[in-house]
N, C-alpha and C. Protein backbone atom coordinates (compact mmCIF):
# COMPACT_ATOMS: atom_id res chain seq x y z
N MET A 1 0.82 -1.19 0.00
CA MET A 1 0.00 0.00 0.00
C MET A 1 0.87 1.26 0.00
N THR A 2 1.96 1.23 0.75
CA THR A 2 2.83 2.41 0.79
C THR A 2 3.52 2.62 -0.55
N ASP A 3 3.77 1.52 -1.29
CA ASP A 3 4.37 1.66 -2.60
C ASP A 3 3.43 2.37 -3.57
N GLN A 4 2.14 2.06 -3.48
CA GLN A 4 1.16 2.72 -4.34
C GLN A 4 1.05 4.21 -4.01
N ARG A 5 1.07 4.55 -2.71
CA ARG A 5 0.99 5.96 -2.30
C ARG A 5 2.24 6.71 -2.76
N SER A 6 3.38 6.09 -2.61
CA SER A 6 4.63 6.72 -3.02
C SER A 6 4.64 6.95 -4.54
N PHE A 7 4.17 5.93 -5.29
CA PHE A 7 4.09 6.08 -6.74
C PHE A 7 3.11 7.19 -7.13
N ALA A 8 1.98 7.25 -6.46
CA ALA A 8 0.96 8.28 -6.75
C ALA A 8 1.52 9.67 -6.44
N ARG A 9 2.21 9.82 -5.31
CA ARG A 9 2.80 11.11 -4.97
C ARG A 9 3.85 11.52 -6.01
N ASN A 10 4.68 10.58 -6.41
CA ASN A 10 5.71 10.88 -7.41
C ASN A 10 5.08 11.26 -8.75
N ALA A 11 4.03 10.55 -9.15
CA ALA A 11 3.35 10.84 -10.41
C ALA A 11 2.71 12.22 -10.37
N ILE A 12 2.09 12.57 -9.25
CA ILE A 12 1.46 13.89 -9.10
C ILE A 12 2.54 14.98 -9.11
N ALA A 13 3.62 14.76 -8.39
CA ALA A 13 4.71 15.75 -8.34
C ALA A 13 5.30 15.96 -9.74
N PHE A 14 5.52 14.86 -10.46
CA PHE A 14 6.06 14.96 -11.82
C PHE A 14 5.09 15.71 -12.74
N SER A 15 3.80 15.40 -12.63
CA SER A 15 2.78 16.07 -13.44
C SER A 15 2.73 17.56 -13.16
N LEU A 16 2.80 17.93 -11.88
CA LEU A 16 2.80 19.35 -11.52
C LEU A 16 4.04 20.06 -12.05
N ALA A 17 5.19 19.39 -12.01
CA ALA A 17 6.42 19.98 -12.54
C ALA A 17 6.31 20.22 -14.05
N VAL A 18 5.74 19.25 -14.77
CA VAL A 18 5.56 19.39 -16.22
C VAL A 18 4.59 20.54 -16.52
N ILE A 19 3.51 20.64 -15.79
CA ILE A 19 2.53 21.72 -15.99
C ILE A 19 3.18 23.08 -15.70
N ALA A 20 3.98 23.17 -14.64
CA ALA A 20 4.65 24.42 -14.30
C ALA A 20 5.63 24.82 -15.40
N CYS A 21 6.37 23.87 -15.94
CA CYS A 21 7.31 24.16 -17.03
C CYS A 21 6.57 24.63 -18.28
N CYS A 22 5.46 23.99 -18.59
CA CYS A 22 4.66 24.40 -19.75
C CYS A 22 4.11 25.81 -19.57
N ALA A 23 3.60 26.12 -18.40
CA ALA A 23 3.07 27.45 -18.12
C ALA A 23 4.18 28.50 -18.23
N LEU A 24 5.36 28.19 -17.72
CA LEU A 24 6.48 29.12 -17.80
C LEU A 24 6.90 29.34 -19.25
N THR A 25 6.94 28.29 -20.03
CA THR A 25 7.31 28.39 -21.45
C THR A 25 6.31 29.26 -22.21
N VAL A 26 5.03 29.03 -21.98
CA VAL A 26 4.00 29.83 -22.66
C VAL A 26 4.10 31.29 -22.26
N THR A 27 4.33 31.57 -20.99
CA THR A 27 4.46 32.95 -20.52
C THR A 27 5.65 33.63 -21.17
N ILE A 28 6.78 32.96 -21.24
CA ILE A 28 7.97 33.53 -21.86
C ILE A 28 7.73 33.79 -23.35
N MET A 29 7.09 32.86 -24.03
CA MET A 29 6.82 33.04 -25.45
C MET A 29 5.88 34.22 -25.69
N LEU A 30 4.88 34.39 -24.84
CA LEU A 30 3.96 35.52 -24.99
C LEU A 30 4.67 36.84 -24.74
N LEU A 31 5.51 36.88 -23.73
CA LEU A 31 6.23 38.12 -23.44
C LEU A 31 7.26 38.45 -24.51
N ALA A 32 7.93 37.45 -25.05
CA ALA A 32 8.94 37.68 -26.08
C ALA A 32 8.31 38.18 -27.37
N GLY A 33 7.09 37.77 -27.66
CA GLY A 33 6.43 38.19 -28.88
C GLY A 33 5.67 39.49 -28.72
N SER A 34 5.59 40.00 -27.52
CA SER A 34 4.83 41.23 -27.26
C SER A 34 5.59 42.44 -27.78
N PRO A 35 4.92 43.35 -28.51
CA PRO A 35 5.59 44.55 -29.01
C PRO A 35 6.11 45.44 -27.89
N ALA A 36 5.50 45.38 -26.72
CA ALA A 36 5.94 46.22 -25.62
C ALA A 36 7.30 45.78 -25.10
N VAL A 37 7.65 44.51 -25.31
CA VAL A 37 8.92 43.99 -24.82
C VAL A 37 10.02 44.19 -25.86
N GLN A 38 9.67 44.20 -27.13
CA GLN A 38 10.65 44.37 -28.19
C GLN A 38 11.20 45.80 -28.17
N PRO A 39 12.52 45.95 -28.27
CA PRO A 39 13.07 47.31 -28.31
C PRO A 39 12.69 48.01 -29.61
N GLN A 40 12.42 49.28 -29.51
CA GLN A 40 12.02 50.05 -30.68
C GLN A 40 13.24 50.35 -31.53
N ARG A 41 13.13 50.13 -32.84
CA ARG A 41 14.23 50.41 -33.75
C ARG A 41 14.32 51.91 -33.99
N VAL A 42 15.53 52.44 -33.92
CA VAL A 42 15.76 53.85 -34.16
C VAL A 42 16.83 54.00 -35.24
N LEU A 43 16.86 55.17 -35.87
CA LEU A 43 17.85 55.44 -36.91
C LEU A 43 19.24 55.55 -36.29
N ASP A 44 20.22 55.09 -37.02
CA ASP A 44 21.62 55.24 -36.63
C ASP A 44 22.01 56.70 -36.81
N GLN A 45 22.39 57.37 -35.73
CA GLN A 45 22.67 58.80 -35.76
C GLN A 45 23.85 59.13 -36.68
N ASP A 46 24.90 58.32 -36.67
CA ASP A 46 26.06 58.59 -37.52
C ASP A 46 25.71 58.44 -39.00
N ALA A 47 24.99 57.38 -39.33
CA ALA A 47 24.60 57.17 -40.73
C ALA A 47 23.66 58.28 -41.19
N LEU A 48 22.75 58.71 -40.32
CA LEU A 48 21.84 59.81 -40.65
C LEU A 48 22.62 61.09 -40.90
N ALA A 49 23.57 61.40 -40.03
CA ALA A 49 24.38 62.62 -40.19
C ALA A 49 25.19 62.56 -41.48
N ARG A 50 25.75 61.40 -41.82
CA ARG A 50 26.51 61.28 -43.07
C ARG A 50 25.61 61.48 -44.28
N ALA A 51 24.40 60.92 -44.24
CA ALA A 51 23.47 61.08 -45.36
C ALA A 51 23.08 62.55 -45.52
N VAL A 52 22.82 63.23 -44.42
CA VAL A 52 22.46 64.66 -44.49
C VAL A 52 23.65 65.46 -45.02
N LEU A 53 24.84 65.16 -44.54
CA LEU A 53 26.04 65.87 -44.98
C LEU A 53 26.28 65.67 -46.47
N ASN A 54 26.07 64.46 -46.96
CA ASN A 54 26.23 64.20 -48.40
C ASN A 54 25.21 64.98 -49.21
N ASN A 55 24.06 65.28 -48.63
CA ASN A 55 23.02 66.01 -49.33
C ASN A 55 23.36 67.51 -49.47
N VAL A 56 24.16 68.07 -48.57
CA VAL A 56 24.45 69.51 -48.62
C VAL A 56 25.88 69.84 -48.97
N GLU A 57 26.74 68.86 -49.22
CA GLU A 57 28.14 69.14 -49.50
C GLU A 57 28.34 70.06 -50.70
N SER A 58 27.51 69.94 -51.70
CA SER A 58 27.68 70.77 -52.89
C SER A 58 26.98 72.12 -52.77
N ASP A 59 26.38 72.41 -51.63
CA ASP A 59 25.66 73.66 -51.42
C ASP A 59 26.65 74.83 -51.43
N ASP A 60 26.33 75.90 -52.15
CA ASP A 60 27.21 77.06 -52.28
C ASP A 60 27.13 78.03 -51.11
N SER A 61 26.26 77.77 -50.12
CA SER A 61 26.11 78.71 -49.02
C SER A 61 27.21 78.54 -47.96
N PHE A 62 28.10 77.59 -48.15
CA PHE A 62 29.16 77.34 -47.18
C PHE A 62 30.51 77.79 -47.75
N ALA A 63 31.27 78.54 -46.95
CA ALA A 63 32.60 78.98 -47.39
C ALA A 63 33.55 77.78 -47.41
N LYS A 64 33.38 76.88 -46.46
CA LYS A 64 34.14 75.63 -46.47
C LYS A 64 33.14 74.50 -46.25
N PRO A 65 33.43 73.34 -46.79
CA PRO A 65 32.47 72.24 -46.64
C PRO A 65 32.23 71.92 -45.16
N PRO A 66 30.97 71.73 -44.78
CA PRO A 66 30.68 71.36 -43.39
C PRO A 66 31.19 69.95 -43.08
N THR A 67 31.40 69.68 -41.81
CA THR A 67 31.83 68.36 -41.37
C THR A 67 30.66 67.67 -40.68
N ILE A 68 30.88 66.42 -40.32
CA ILE A 68 29.83 65.65 -39.65
C ILE A 68 29.47 66.28 -38.30
N ASP A 69 30.41 66.99 -37.69
CA ASP A 69 30.14 67.67 -36.41
C ASP A 69 29.21 68.86 -36.57
N ASP A 70 29.02 69.34 -37.80
CA ASP A 70 28.14 70.49 -38.06
C ASP A 70 26.69 70.08 -38.26
N VAL A 71 26.41 68.78 -38.26
CA VAL A 71 25.05 68.27 -38.51
C VAL A 71 24.35 68.01 -37.18
N ALA A 72 23.14 68.56 -37.04
CA ALA A 72 22.33 68.35 -35.84
C ALA A 72 20.97 67.79 -36.25
N CYS A 73 20.72 66.55 -35.84
CA CYS A 73 19.44 65.89 -36.11
C CYS A 73 18.81 65.48 -34.79
N PRO A 74 17.48 65.35 -34.75
CA PRO A 74 16.84 64.86 -33.52
C PRO A 74 17.39 63.47 -33.16
N ALA A 75 17.48 63.21 -31.87
CA ALA A 75 18.01 61.93 -31.41
C ALA A 75 16.92 60.87 -31.32
N SER A 76 17.31 59.64 -31.46
CA SER A 76 16.44 58.47 -31.27
C SER A 76 15.15 58.54 -32.09
N ILE A 77 15.29 58.74 -33.38
CA ILE A 77 14.13 58.77 -34.28
C ILE A 77 13.67 57.34 -34.54
N PRO A 78 12.42 56.99 -34.16
CA PRO A 78 11.92 55.63 -34.43
C PRO A 78 11.80 55.39 -35.93
N VAL A 79 12.13 54.17 -36.35
CA VAL A 79 12.01 53.81 -37.77
C VAL A 79 10.55 53.49 -38.04
N GLU A 80 9.83 54.46 -38.60
CA GLU A 80 8.42 54.31 -38.97
C GLU A 80 8.23 54.93 -40.34
N ALA A 81 7.68 54.16 -41.26
CA ALA A 81 7.45 54.66 -42.61
C ALA A 81 6.58 55.91 -42.57
N GLY A 82 7.00 56.93 -43.31
CA GLY A 82 6.24 58.17 -43.41
C GLY A 82 6.64 59.24 -42.41
N ARG A 83 7.44 58.91 -41.41
CA ARG A 83 7.87 59.90 -40.41
C ARG A 83 8.77 60.93 -41.08
N GLU A 84 8.53 62.21 -40.77
CA GLU A 84 9.32 63.30 -41.32
C GLU A 84 9.91 64.14 -40.20
N PHE A 85 11.12 64.67 -40.44
CA PHE A 85 11.78 65.55 -39.48
C PHE A 85 12.83 66.35 -40.24
N GLU A 86 13.43 67.32 -39.56
CA GLU A 86 14.44 68.15 -40.20
C GLU A 86 15.76 68.08 -39.44
N CYS A 87 16.84 68.15 -40.20
CA CYS A 87 18.17 68.23 -39.62
C CYS A 87 18.77 69.58 -39.99
N ASN A 88 19.59 70.11 -39.12
CA ASN A 88 20.20 71.41 -39.31
C ASN A 88 21.70 71.23 -39.56
N VAL A 89 22.22 71.92 -40.56
CA VAL A 89 23.64 71.90 -40.85
C VAL A 89 24.13 73.34 -40.69
N VAL A 90 25.02 73.55 -39.72
CA VAL A 90 25.56 74.89 -39.47
C VAL A 90 27.06 74.83 -39.71
N GLY A 91 27.50 75.54 -40.73
CA GLY A 91 28.92 75.60 -41.05
C GLY A 91 29.39 77.05 -41.08
N VAL A 92 30.41 77.30 -41.84
CA VAL A 92 30.98 78.64 -41.96
C VAL A 92 30.47 79.28 -43.25
N GLY A 93 29.84 80.44 -43.11
CA GLY A 93 29.37 81.17 -44.28
C GLY A 93 30.49 81.95 -44.93
N ASP A 94 30.23 82.47 -46.12
CA ASP A 94 31.26 83.20 -46.84
C ASP A 94 31.07 84.72 -46.80
N GLY A 95 30.26 85.22 -45.92
CA GLY A 95 30.00 86.66 -45.86
C GLY A 95 28.74 87.01 -46.61
N ASN A 96 28.51 86.41 -47.78
CA ASN A 96 27.30 86.66 -48.56
C ASN A 96 26.20 85.67 -48.19
N SER A 97 26.55 84.60 -47.55
CA SER A 97 25.57 83.59 -47.18
C SER A 97 25.82 83.14 -45.75
N SER A 98 24.84 82.49 -45.20
CA SER A 98 24.85 82.18 -43.77
C SER A 98 25.67 80.95 -43.39
N GLY A 99 25.88 80.04 -44.33
CA GLY A 99 26.52 78.79 -43.97
C GLY A 99 25.61 77.91 -43.13
N HIS A 100 24.33 77.99 -43.41
CA HIS A 100 23.30 77.30 -42.63
C HIS A 100 22.34 76.63 -43.60
N ALA A 101 21.98 75.39 -43.32
CA ALA A 101 21.04 74.69 -44.20
C ALA A 101 20.15 73.77 -43.37
N TRP A 102 18.90 73.69 -43.78
CA TRP A 102 17.94 72.74 -43.20
C TRP A 102 17.73 71.64 -44.23
N VAL A 103 17.74 70.40 -43.78
CA VAL A 103 17.49 69.27 -44.68
C VAL A 103 16.27 68.52 -44.16
N LYS A 104 15.27 68.40 -45.01
CA LYS A 104 14.06 67.68 -44.65
C LYS A 104 14.29 66.20 -44.94
N VAL A 105 14.05 65.37 -43.93
CA VAL A 105 14.28 63.92 -44.04
C VAL A 105 12.95 63.21 -43.87
N LYS A 106 12.72 62.23 -44.73
CA LYS A 106 11.52 61.41 -44.63
C LYS A 106 11.94 59.94 -44.64
N ILE A 107 11.38 59.16 -43.72
CA ILE A 107 11.63 57.72 -43.69
C ILE A 107 10.65 57.07 -44.65
N LYS A 108 11.18 56.42 -45.68
CA LYS A 108 10.32 55.88 -46.75
C LYS A 108 9.69 54.54 -46.41
N ASP A 109 10.40 53.70 -45.63
CA ASP A 109 9.86 52.37 -45.33
C ASP A 109 10.32 51.90 -43.96
N ASP A 110 9.86 50.72 -43.57
CA ASP A 110 10.20 50.16 -42.25
C ASP A 110 11.65 49.68 -42.17
N GLN A 111 12.37 49.71 -43.28
CA GLN A 111 13.78 49.32 -43.29
C GLN A 111 14.69 50.52 -43.02
N GLY A 112 14.12 51.72 -42.93
CA GLY A 112 14.91 52.91 -42.63
C GLY A 112 15.46 53.61 -43.86
N THR A 113 14.90 53.32 -45.03
CA THR A 113 15.33 54.02 -46.25
C THR A 113 14.91 55.48 -46.15
N LEU A 114 15.84 56.39 -46.47
CA LEU A 114 15.59 57.81 -46.29
C LEU A 114 15.41 58.54 -47.60
N SER A 115 14.62 59.59 -47.56
CA SER A 115 14.47 60.53 -48.67
C SER A 115 14.88 61.89 -48.12
N LEU A 116 15.82 62.56 -48.77
CA LEU A 116 16.33 63.84 -48.29
C LEU A 116 16.02 64.94 -49.28
N ASP A 117 15.51 66.07 -48.77
CA ASP A 117 15.22 67.24 -49.62
C ASP A 117 15.93 68.45 -49.06
């Protein structure tokens, strides 16, 4: 009789352990797939600054070509198709011009493809 009780206790304990593991696995899978848990993708600031700089390098309003340090863009821009913002390029003017340019940036798709005007 004690062998049957011991077997029953072990079977119940094993079953509860399996159920607990399954519940933990399902909870982890739900949390991992939740958008609130996934980190939000943002634009790479250096790549954005280089793209903006390439867009204004040929601009005649600068006495000397601006550098990457002259580019100011908003920080931590989420990668969302259709999002628009502006970056500012402040360099050295030539006396007749300011050495200042605004570049309008639009995110074209969820991959972070940019359109610059």
